[in-house]
Amino acid sequence: MSLREYTFAYQVHDDKNSLSPADQSLIEISVNACGKAYAPYSDFKVGAAIRTTDQQVIVGSNQENGAFPIGQCAERVALYNMIHHLGRLPIDTISISVDNPQQKTPASPCGSCRQVLSEYRSFQKTPIRLLLTLAGGGVVYEINDVMDILPFAFDGAFLGL
């Protein structure tokens, strides 16, 4: 038997002001997308803004449903919106913002979103950077690659693809 360990480093910024103007703008866009969220059950509003490598930006917000399993997370709404309207463009950065007064730290993507983002990351073969924020401001978590938060992702290789 051998013991193996997985760790990763991420940056914690006191606020968005230490980031580039382009990143600050992307955060503002994801914060604004929270306003389009439909979250009457949880009041956990999430906005996501995707910036492609050619600097196009597309957004999504979470959309709840009374039958909880069929709601859609902001990250997946944004990704599928991008694919539908722009095609499978390479993604540079995704900003994910949470607007909920109970939330004290930025939230990371759920397991389903991690899986979907990791598959897209495998498709594009280059890192997808994440910026995790609260809509009310404060700290920003910067993760260099979505694969850092899902190290044992299930992908097409398991299916012989």
N, C-alpha and C. Protein backbone atom coordinates (compact mmCIF):
# COMPACT_ATOMS: atom_id res chain seq x y z
N MET A 1 0.84 -1.18 0.00
CA MET A 1 0.00 0.00 0.00
C MET A 1 0.89 1.24 0.00
N SER A 2 0.45 2.25 -0.71
CA SER A 2 1.15 3.52 -0.67
C SER A 2 0.15 4.63 -0.39
N LEU A 3 0.61 5.63 0.26
CA LEU A 3 -0.23 6.79 0.56
C LEU A 3 0.15 7.90 -0.40
N ARG A 4 -0.85 8.45 -1.04
CA ARG A 4 -0.61 9.56 -1.95
C ARG A 4 -1.44 10.75 -1.48
N GLU A 5 -0.94 11.90 -1.79
CA GLU A 5 -1.60 13.11 -1.32
C GLU A 5 -1.79 14.06 -2.48
N TYR A 6 -2.91 14.76 -2.48
CA TYR A 6 -3.18 15.76 -3.50
C TYR A 6 -3.41 17.10 -2.81
N THR A 7 -2.68 18.09 -3.20
CA THR A 7 -2.90 19.45 -2.72
C THR A 7 -2.77 20.40 -3.91
N PHE A 8 -3.31 21.57 -3.76
CA PHE A 8 -3.12 22.59 -4.78
C PHE A 8 -3.07 23.95 -4.11
N ALA A 9 -2.46 24.87 -4.79
CA ALA A 9 -2.35 26.23 -4.27
C ALA A 9 -3.33 27.13 -5.02
N TYR A 10 -3.89 28.07 -4.29
CA TYR A 10 -4.74 29.08 -4.91
C TYR A 10 -4.47 30.40 -4.21
N GLN A 11 -4.79 31.47 -4.90
CA GLN A 11 -4.53 32.80 -4.35
C GLN A 11 -5.79 33.36 -3.73
N VAL A 12 -5.61 34.06 -2.61
CA VAL A 12 -6.71 34.77 -1.96
C VAL A 12 -6.38 36.26 -2.01
N HIS A 13 -7.18 36.99 -2.74
CA HIS A 13 -7.01 38.44 -2.86
C HIS A 13 -7.94 39.10 -1.84
N ASP A 14 -7.47 40.14 -1.17
CA ASP A 14 -8.31 40.85 -0.20
C ASP A 14 -9.56 41.42 -0.85
N ASP A 15 -9.43 41.83 -2.08
CA ASP A 15 -10.55 42.33 -2.87
C ASP A 15 -10.16 42.27 -4.35
N LYS A 16 -11.07 42.67 -5.19
CA LYS A 16 -10.81 42.56 -6.63
C LYS A 16 -9.81 43.59 -7.15
N ASN A 17 -9.50 44.60 -6.34
CA ASN A 17 -8.64 45.69 -6.81
C ASN A 17 -7.21 45.26 -7.12
N SER A 18 -6.78 44.12 -6.60
CA SER A 18 -5.43 43.64 -6.91
C SER A 18 -5.38 42.85 -8.22
N LEU A 19 -6.53 42.67 -8.85
CA LEU A 19 -6.62 41.95 -10.12
C LEU A 19 -6.54 42.94 -11.29
N SER A 20 -6.34 42.40 -12.47
CA SER A 20 -6.28 43.24 -13.68
C SER A 20 -7.63 43.91 -13.93
N PRO A 21 -7.65 45.01 -14.68
CA PRO A 21 -8.92 45.63 -15.04
C PRO A 21 -9.87 44.65 -15.76
N ALA A 22 -9.33 43.79 -16.60
CA ALA A 22 -10.17 42.81 -17.31
C ALA A 22 -10.82 41.84 -16.32
N ASP A 23 -10.07 41.41 -15.31
CA ASP A 23 -10.64 40.51 -14.30
C ASP A 23 -11.66 41.24 -13.43
N GLN A 24 -11.38 42.48 -13.08
CA GLN A 24 -12.33 43.27 -12.30
C GLN A 24 -13.65 43.42 -13.05
N SER A 25 -13.55 43.67 -14.34
CA SER A 25 -14.74 43.80 -15.18
C SER A 25 -15.52 42.48 -15.23
N LEU A 26 -14.81 41.37 -15.38
CA LEU A 26 -15.46 40.06 -15.43
C LEU A 26 -16.20 39.78 -14.12
N ILE A 27 -15.59 40.14 -13.00
CA ILE A 27 -16.24 39.97 -11.70
C ILE A 27 -17.52 40.81 -11.64
N GLU A 28 -17.45 42.06 -12.08
CA GLU A 28 -18.64 42.92 -12.09
C GLU A 28 -19.76 42.29 -12.93
N ILE A 29 -19.40 41.71 -14.05
CA ILE A 29 -20.39 41.07 -14.92
C ILE A 29 -21.02 39.88 -14.22
N SER A 30 -20.22 39.06 -13.53
CA SER A 30 -20.80 37.91 -12.82
C SER A 30 -21.65 38.36 -11.64
N VAL A 31 -21.25 39.43 -10.97
CA VAL A 31 -22.07 39.98 -9.88
C VAL A 31 -23.42 40.44 -10.43
N ASN A 32 -23.39 41.16 -11.55
CA ASN A 32 -24.64 41.62 -12.17
C ASN A 32 -25.52 40.46 -12.61
N ALA A 33 -24.90 39.37 -13.04
CA ALA A 33 -25.67 38.19 -13.46
C ALA A 33 -26.45 37.58 -12.30
N CYS A 34 -25.97 37.78 -11.07
CA CYS A 34 -26.72 37.29 -9.90
C CYS A 34 -28.13 37.87 -9.89
N GLY A 35 -28.28 39.08 -10.41
CA GLY A 35 -29.59 39.73 -10.45
C GLY A 35 -30.57 39.05 -11.38
N LYS A 36 -30.10 38.20 -12.26
CA LYS A 36 -30.97 37.45 -13.17
C LYS A 36 -31.27 36.04 -12.65
N ALA A 37 -30.68 35.70 -11.51
CA ALA A 37 -30.91 34.36 -10.95
C ALA A 37 -32.36 34.22 -10.50
N TYR A 38 -32.87 33.00 -10.61
CA TYR A 38 -34.19 32.67 -10.09
C TYR A 38 -33.96 31.68 -8.96
N ALA A 39 -34.01 32.17 -7.73
CA ALA A 39 -33.69 31.33 -6.57
C ALA A 39 -34.69 31.57 -5.44
N PRO A 40 -35.99 31.33 -5.70
CA PRO A 40 -37.00 31.60 -4.67
C PRO A 40 -36.98 30.61 -3.51
N TYR A 41 -36.35 29.48 -3.68
CA TYR A 41 -36.35 28.45 -2.64
C TYR A 41 -35.14 28.57 -1.72
N SER A 42 -33.98 28.83 -2.27
CA SER A 42 -32.75 28.88 -1.47
C SER A 42 -32.28 30.30 -1.19
N ASP A 43 -32.69 31.26 -1.98
CA ASP A 43 -32.17 32.63 -1.94
C ASP A 43 -30.66 32.64 -2.12
N PHE A 44 -30.13 31.63 -2.80
CA PHE A 44 -28.70 31.50 -3.08
C PHE A 44 -28.51 31.84 -4.55
N LYS A 45 -28.31 33.11 -4.83
CA LYS A 45 -28.22 33.59 -6.21
C LYS A 45 -26.78 33.55 -6.68
N VAL A 46 -26.58 32.95 -7.84
CA VAL A 46 -25.24 32.79 -8.40
C VAL A 46 -25.22 33.33 -9.82
N GLY A 47 -24.16 34.05 -10.12
CA GLY A 47 -23.93 34.53 -11.48
C GLY A 47 -22.58 34.06 -11.96
N ALA A 48 -22.49 33.71 -13.22
CA ALA A 48 -21.21 33.27 -13.80
C ALA A 48 -20.97 34.06 -15.08
N ALA A 49 -19.72 34.45 -15.27
CA ALA A 49 -19.32 35.14 -16.50
C ALA A 49 -18.10 34.43 -17.06
N ILE A 50 -18.20 34.01 -18.30
CA ILE A 50 -17.11 33.31 -18.99
C ILE A 50 -16.44 34.28 -19.95
N ARG A 51 -15.11 34.35 -19.86
CA ARG A 51 -14.33 35.13 -20.84
C ARG A 51 -13.55 34.14 -21.69
N THR A 52 -13.75 34.21 -22.99
CA THR A 52 -13.04 33.33 -23.91
C THR A 52 -11.65 33.90 -24.17
N THR A 53 -10.81 33.10 -24.79
CA THR A 53 -9.45 33.57 -25.08
C THR A 53 -9.43 34.71 -26.08
N ASP A 54 -10.51 34.88 -26.86
CA ASP A 54 -10.58 36.03 -27.77
C ASP A 54 -11.38 37.19 -27.15
N GLN A 55 -11.53 37.15 -25.82
CA GLN A 55 -12.09 38.25 -25.02
C GLN A 55 -13.60 38.43 -25.15
N GLN A 56 -14.32 37.45 -25.66
CA GLN A 56 -15.78 37.52 -25.64
C GLN A 56 -16.25 37.09 -24.26
N VAL A 57 -17.35 37.69 -23.81
CA VAL A 57 -17.88 37.37 -22.48
C VAL A 57 -19.33 36.95 -22.63
N ILE A 58 -19.69 35.89 -21.93
CA ILE A 58 -21.07 35.42 -21.92
C ILE A 58 -21.42 35.03 -20.49
N VAL A 59 -22.70 35.19 -20.12
CA VAL A 59 -23.09 35.03 -18.72
C VAL A 59 -24.17 33.96 -18.55
N GLY A 60 -24.35 33.60 -17.29
CA GLY A 60 -25.42 32.70 -16.89
C GLY A 60 -25.73 32.94 -15.43
N SER A 61 -26.90 32.51 -15.01
CA SER A 61 -27.29 32.60 -13.61
C SER A 61 -28.05 31.33 -13.25
N ASN A 62 -28.06 31.02 -11.95
CA ASN A 62 -28.75 29.80 -11.56
C ASN A 62 -30.26 29.98 -11.69
N GLN A 63 -30.92 28.88 -12.03
CA GLN A 63 -32.37 28.86 -12.24
C GLN A 63 -32.94 27.68 -11.47
N GLU A 64 -33.57 27.97 -10.33
CA GLU A 64 -34.12 26.90 -9.50
C GLU A 64 -35.48 26.45 -10.01
N ASN A 65 -35.90 25.31 -9.50
CA ASN A 65 -37.20 24.74 -9.79
C ASN A 65 -37.68 24.06 -8.54
N GLY A 66 -38.98 24.03 -8.33
CA GLY A 66 -39.54 23.38 -7.15
C GLY A 66 -39.13 21.92 -7.04
N ALA A 67 -38.89 21.27 -8.16
CA ALA A 67 -38.34 19.92 -8.17
C ALA A 67 -36.82 20.10 -8.21
N PHE A 68 -36.21 20.22 -7.03
CA PHE A 68 -34.82 20.65 -6.91
C PHE A 68 -33.81 20.02 -7.87
N PRO A 69 -33.88 18.74 -8.15
CA PRO A 69 -32.82 18.19 -9.00
C PRO A 69 -32.77 18.77 -10.41
N ILE A 70 -33.84 19.41 -10.87
CA ILE A 70 -33.83 19.87 -12.25
C ILE A 70 -33.44 21.34 -12.39
N GLY A 71 -33.10 22.00 -11.31
CA GLY A 71 -32.59 23.36 -11.40
C GLY A 71 -31.25 23.37 -12.12
N GLN A 72 -30.85 24.53 -12.60
CA GLN A 72 -29.57 24.65 -13.32
C GLN A 72 -28.66 25.64 -12.61
N CYS A 73 -27.41 25.28 -12.48
CA CYS A 73 -26.41 26.14 -11.86
C CYS A 73 -25.92 27.19 -12.86
N ALA A 74 -25.47 28.31 -12.34
CA ALA A 74 -25.01 29.43 -13.18
C ALA A 74 -23.87 29.02 -14.10
N GLU A 75 -22.96 28.20 -13.60
CA GLU A 75 -21.79 27.82 -14.39
C GLU A 75 -22.20 27.05 -15.64
N ARG A 76 -23.13 26.10 -15.47
CA ARG A 76 -23.57 25.31 -16.61
C ARG A 76 -24.44 26.13 -17.56
N VAL A 77 -25.29 27.00 -17.00
CA VAL A 77 -26.10 27.88 -17.86
C VAL A 77 -25.18 28.73 -18.73
N ALA A 78 -24.14 29.31 -18.13
CA ALA A 78 -23.20 30.15 -18.89
C ALA A 78 -22.46 29.33 -19.95
N LEU A 79 -21.98 28.15 -19.57
CA LEU A 79 -21.22 27.33 -20.51
C LEU A 79 -22.09 26.91 -21.70
N TYR A 80 -23.29 26.41 -21.42
CA TYR A 80 -24.15 25.96 -22.51
C TYR A 80 -24.62 27.14 -23.36
N ASN A 81 -24.82 28.29 -22.73
CA ASN A 81 -25.16 29.51 -23.45
C ASN A 81 -24.03 29.88 -24.42
N MET A 82 -22.80 29.78 -23.94
CA MET A 82 -21.65 30.08 -24.78
C MET A 82 -21.57 29.11 -25.97
N ILE A 83 -21.68 27.83 -25.68
CA ILE A 83 -21.59 26.83 -26.75
C ILE A 83 -22.68 27.06 -27.79
N HIS A 84 -23.91 27.35 -27.33
CA HIS A 84 -25.02 27.56 -28.25
C HIS A 84 -24.83 28.80 -29.12
N HIS A 85 -24.41 29.90 -28.50
CA HIS A 85 -24.34 31.17 -29.23
C HIS A 85 -23.00 31.44 -29.91
N LEU A 86 -21.91 30.95 -29.32
CA LEU A 86 -20.59 31.27 -29.86
C LEU A 86 -19.84 30.05 -30.39
N GLY A 87 -20.27 28.86 -30.00
CA GLY A 87 -19.54 27.65 -30.35
C GLY A 87 -18.59 27.25 -29.24
N ARG A 88 -17.82 26.22 -29.50
CA ARG A 88 -16.88 25.70 -28.49
C ARG A 88 -15.57 26.48 -28.53
N LEU A 89 -15.63 27.69 -28.04
CA LEU A 89 -14.44 28.54 -28.00
C LEU A 89 -13.59 28.22 -26.78
N PRO A 90 -12.30 28.42 -26.87
CA PRO A 90 -11.44 28.21 -25.70
C PRO A 90 -11.78 29.24 -24.61
N ILE A 91 -11.89 28.76 -23.39
CA ILE A 91 -12.20 29.61 -22.24
C ILE A 91 -10.91 29.99 -21.54
N ASP A 92 -10.80 31.27 -21.21
CA ASP A 92 -9.68 31.77 -20.43
C ASP A 92 -10.02 31.74 -18.94
N THR A 93 -11.09 32.43 -18.56
CA THR A 93 -11.43 32.62 -17.15
C THR A 93 -12.94 32.57 -16.96
N ILE A 94 -13.37 32.03 -15.82
CA ILE A 94 -14.77 32.07 -15.41
C ILE A 94 -14.83 32.74 -14.04
N SER A 95 -15.64 33.78 -13.94
CA SER A 95 -15.90 34.42 -12.64
C SER A 95 -17.24 33.91 -12.14
N ILE A 96 -17.27 33.47 -10.89
CA ILE A 96 -18.48 32.94 -10.28
C ILE A 96 -18.74 33.75 -9.01
N SER A 97 -19.90 34.40 -8.95
CA SER A 97 -20.25 35.25 -7.81
C SER A 97 -21.50 34.73 -7.13
N VAL A 98 -21.52 34.84 -5.81
CA VAL A 98 -22.66 34.41 -5.00
C VAL A 98 -23.26 35.63 -4.31
N ASP A 99 -24.58 35.77 -4.40
CA ASP A 99 -25.29 36.83 -3.71
C ASP A 99 -26.24 36.19 -2.70
N ASN A 100 -25.76 36.07 -1.48
CA ASN A 100 -26.55 35.51 -0.39
C ASN A 100 -26.01 36.08 0.91
N PRO A 101 -26.85 36.75 1.69
CA PRO A 101 -26.35 37.40 2.91
C PRO A 101 -25.78 36.43 3.94
N GLN A 102 -26.15 35.18 3.88
CA GLN A 102 -25.63 34.19 4.83
C GLN A 102 -24.23 33.71 4.48
N GLN A 103 -23.85 33.89 3.22
CA GLN A 103 -22.57 33.38 2.72
C GLN A 103 -21.45 34.34 3.10
N LYS A 104 -20.45 33.82 3.80
CA LYS A 104 -19.33 34.66 4.27
C LYS A 104 -18.06 34.49 3.44
N THR A 105 -17.98 33.42 2.67
CA THR A 105 -16.82 33.18 1.81
C THR A 105 -17.32 32.81 0.41
N PRO A 106 -16.49 33.03 -0.60
CA PRO A 106 -16.90 32.61 -1.95
C PRO A 106 -17.19 31.11 -1.99
N ALA A 107 -18.15 30.74 -2.82
CA ALA A 107 -18.52 29.33 -2.96
C ALA A 107 -17.84 28.77 -4.21
N SER A 108 -17.46 27.51 -4.12
CA SER A 108 -16.86 26.85 -5.28
C SER A 108 -17.96 26.09 -6.04
N PRO A 109 -17.70 25.74 -7.29
CA PRO A 109 -18.70 25.03 -8.08
C PRO A 109 -19.10 23.70 -7.43
N CYS A 110 -20.36 23.33 -7.62
CA CYS A 110 -20.85 22.04 -7.11
C CYS A 110 -20.19 20.90 -7.90
N GLY A 111 -20.41 19.69 -7.46
CA GLY A 111 -19.80 18.53 -8.12
C GLY A 111 -20.20 18.38 -9.58
N SER A 112 -21.48 18.62 -9.88
CA SER A 112 -21.92 18.51 -11.28
C SER A 112 -21.23 19.54 -12.15
N CYS A 113 -21.13 20.77 -11.66
CA CYS A 113 -20.46 21.82 -12.44
C CYS A 113 -18.98 21.53 -12.59
N ARG A 114 -18.36 21.02 -11.53
CA ARG A 114 -16.94 20.65 -11.64
C ARG A 114 -16.74 19.62 -12.74
N GLN A 115 -17.63 18.63 -12.80
CA GLN A 115 -17.52 17.58 -13.81
C GLN A 115 -17.70 18.15 -15.21
N VAL A 116 -18.71 18.98 -15.41
CA VAL A 116 -18.97 19.57 -16.72
C VAL A 116 -17.80 20.46 -17.14
N LEU A 117 -17.32 21.29 -16.22
CA LEU A 117 -16.19 22.18 -16.54
C LEU A 117 -14.92 21.40 -16.82
N SER A 118 -14.72 20.31 -16.08
CA SER A 118 -13.50 19.51 -16.31
C SER A 118 -13.55 18.83 -17.67
N GLU A 119 -14.73 18.41 -18.10
CA GLU A 119 -14.82 17.80 -19.43
C GLU A 119 -14.55 18.84 -20.51
N TYR A 120 -15.06 20.05 -20.32
CA TYR A 120 -14.77 21.11 -21.29
C TYR A 120 -13.28 21.43 -21.29
N ARG A 121 -12.70 21.44 -20.11
CA ARG A 121 -11.25 21.68 -19.97
C ARG A 121 -10.46 20.61 -20.71
N SER A 122 -10.88 19.35 -20.60
CA SER A 122 -10.22 18.26 -21.33
C SER A 122 -10.34 18.46 -22.83
N PHE A 123 -11.49 18.96 -23.26
CA PHE A 123 -11.72 19.24 -24.68
C PHE A 123 -10.76 20.32 -25.18
N GLN A 124 -10.61 21.40 -24.41
CA GLN A 124 -9.78 22.50 -24.91
C GLN A 124 -8.29 22.33 -24.63
N LYS A 125 -7.96 21.46 -23.68
CA LYS A 125 -6.56 21.10 -23.40
C LYS A 125 -5.69 22.24 -22.87
N THR A 126 -6.31 23.30 -22.38
CA THR A 126 -5.57 24.38 -21.72
C THR A 126 -6.33 24.77 -20.45
N PRO A 127 -5.64 25.31 -19.47
CA PRO A 127 -6.28 25.64 -18.19
C PRO A 127 -7.46 26.60 -18.33
N ILE A 128 -8.43 26.40 -17.46
CA ILE A 128 -9.55 27.33 -17.30
C ILE A 128 -9.43 27.89 -15.88
N ARG A 129 -9.15 29.16 -15.81
CA ARG A 129 -8.96 29.84 -14.54
C ARG A 129 -10.30 30.22 -13.93
N LEU A 130 -10.40 30.15 -12.59
CA LEU A 130 -11.62 30.51 -11.88
C LEU A 130 -11.37 31.69 -10.95
N LEU A 131 -12.33 32.60 -10.89
CA LEU A 131 -12.35 33.68 -9.90
C LEU A 131 -13.65 33.51 -9.12
N LEU A 132 -13.54 33.25 -7.83
CA LEU A 132 -14.71 33.02 -6.98
C LEU A 132 -14.90 34.22 -6.06
N THR A 133 -16.12 34.78 -6.05
CA THR A 133 -16.36 36.02 -5.32
C THR A 133 -17.71 36.03 -4.63
N LEU A 134 -17.85 36.99 -3.75
CA LEU A 134 -19.15 37.32 -3.17
C LEU A 134 -19.66 38.58 -3.87
N ALA A 135 -20.96 38.63 -4.12
CA ALA A 135 -21.52 39.79 -4.82
C ALA A 135 -21.31 41.08 -4.04
N GLY A 136 -21.26 40.99 -2.73
CA GLY A 136 -21.09 42.18 -1.91
C GLY A 136 -19.65 42.65 -1.78
N GLY A 137 -18.73 42.03 -2.47
CA GLY A 137 -17.32 42.40 -2.40
C GLY A 137 -16.56 41.52 -1.43
N GLY A 138 -15.35 41.92 -1.13
CA GLY A 138 -14.50 41.16 -0.22
C GLY A 138 -13.53 40.28 -0.98
N VAL A 139 -13.14 39.19 -0.33
CA VAL A 139 -12.08 38.35 -0.87
C VAL A 139 -12.45 37.74 -2.21
N VAL A 140 -11.42 37.47 -3.00
CA VAL A 140 -11.56 36.78 -4.28
C VAL A 140 -10.62 35.60 -4.24
N TYR A 141 -11.15 34.40 -4.50
CA TYR A 141 -10.31 33.22 -4.64
C TYR A 141 -9.96 33.07 -6.12
N GLU A 142 -8.68 32.93 -6.40
CA GLU A 142 -8.21 32.74 -7.77
C GLU A 142 -7.61 31.35 -7.88
N ILE A 143 -8.23 30.51 -8.70
CA ILE A 143 -7.79 29.13 -8.92
C ILE A 143 -7.26 29.05 -10.35
N ASN A 144 -6.03 28.60 -10.50
CA ASN A 144 -5.37 28.64 -11.81
C ASN A 144 -5.97 27.71 -12.85
N ASP A 145 -6.60 26.61 -12.42
CA ASP A 145 -7.15 25.66 -13.38
C ASP A 145 -8.28 24.89 -12.71
N VAL A 146 -9.40 24.79 -13.40
CA VAL A 146 -10.55 24.07 -12.88
C VAL A 146 -10.19 22.63 -12.50
N MET A 147 -9.20 22.04 -13.17
CA MET A 147 -8.80 20.67 -12.84
C MET A 147 -8.22 20.55 -11.43
N ASP A 148 -7.76 21.67 -10.87
CA ASP A 148 -7.24 21.65 -9.51
C ASP A 148 -8.31 21.25 -8.50
N ILE A 149 -9.57 21.57 -8.78
CA ILE A 149 -10.63 21.27 -7.81
C ILE A 149 -11.37 19.97 -8.12
N LEU A 150 -10.95 19.27 -9.16
CA LEU A 150 -11.51 17.94 -9.46
C LEU A 150 -10.40 17.06 -10.02
N PRO A 151 -9.48 16.64 -9.15
CA PRO A 151 -8.29 15.93 -9.65
C PRO A 151 -8.57 14.54 -10.23
N PHE A 152 -9.65 13.91 -9.85
CA PHE A 152 -9.96 12.57 -10.35
C PHE A 152 -11.23 12.61 -11.19
N ALA A 153 -11.25 13.52 -12.14
CA ALA A 153 -12.43 13.70 -12.97
C ALA A 153 -12.70 12.46 -13.83
N PHE A 154 -13.96 12.17 -14.02
CA PHE A 154 -14.39 11.11 -14.93
C PHE A 154 -14.40 11.72 -16.32
N ASP A 155 -13.77 11.06 -17.28
CA ASP A 155 -13.78 11.59 -18.64
C ASP A 155 -13.92 10.46 -19.65
N GLY A 156 -13.91 10.83 -20.92
CA GLY A 156 -14.11 9.87 -21.99
C GLY A 156 -13.12 8.73 -22.02
N ALA A 157 -11.95 8.91 -21.43
CA ALA A 157 -10.95 7.84 -21.40
C ALA A 157 -11.48 6.61 -20.67
N PHE A 158 -12.33 6.82 -19.66
CA PHE A 158 -12.90 5.69 -18.93
C PHE A 158 -13.88 4.89 -19.80
N LEU A 159 -14.37 5.52 -20.84
CA LEU A 159 -15.31 4.87 -21.75
C LEU A 159 -14.63 4.38 -23.02
N GLY A 160 -13.31 4.46 -23.04
CA GLY A 160 -12.56 4.02 -24.20
C GLY A 160 -12.61 5.00 -25.36
N LEU A 161 -12.93 6.25 -25.08
CA LEU A 161 -13.02 7.26 -26.15
C LEU A 161 -11.72 7.99 -26.32
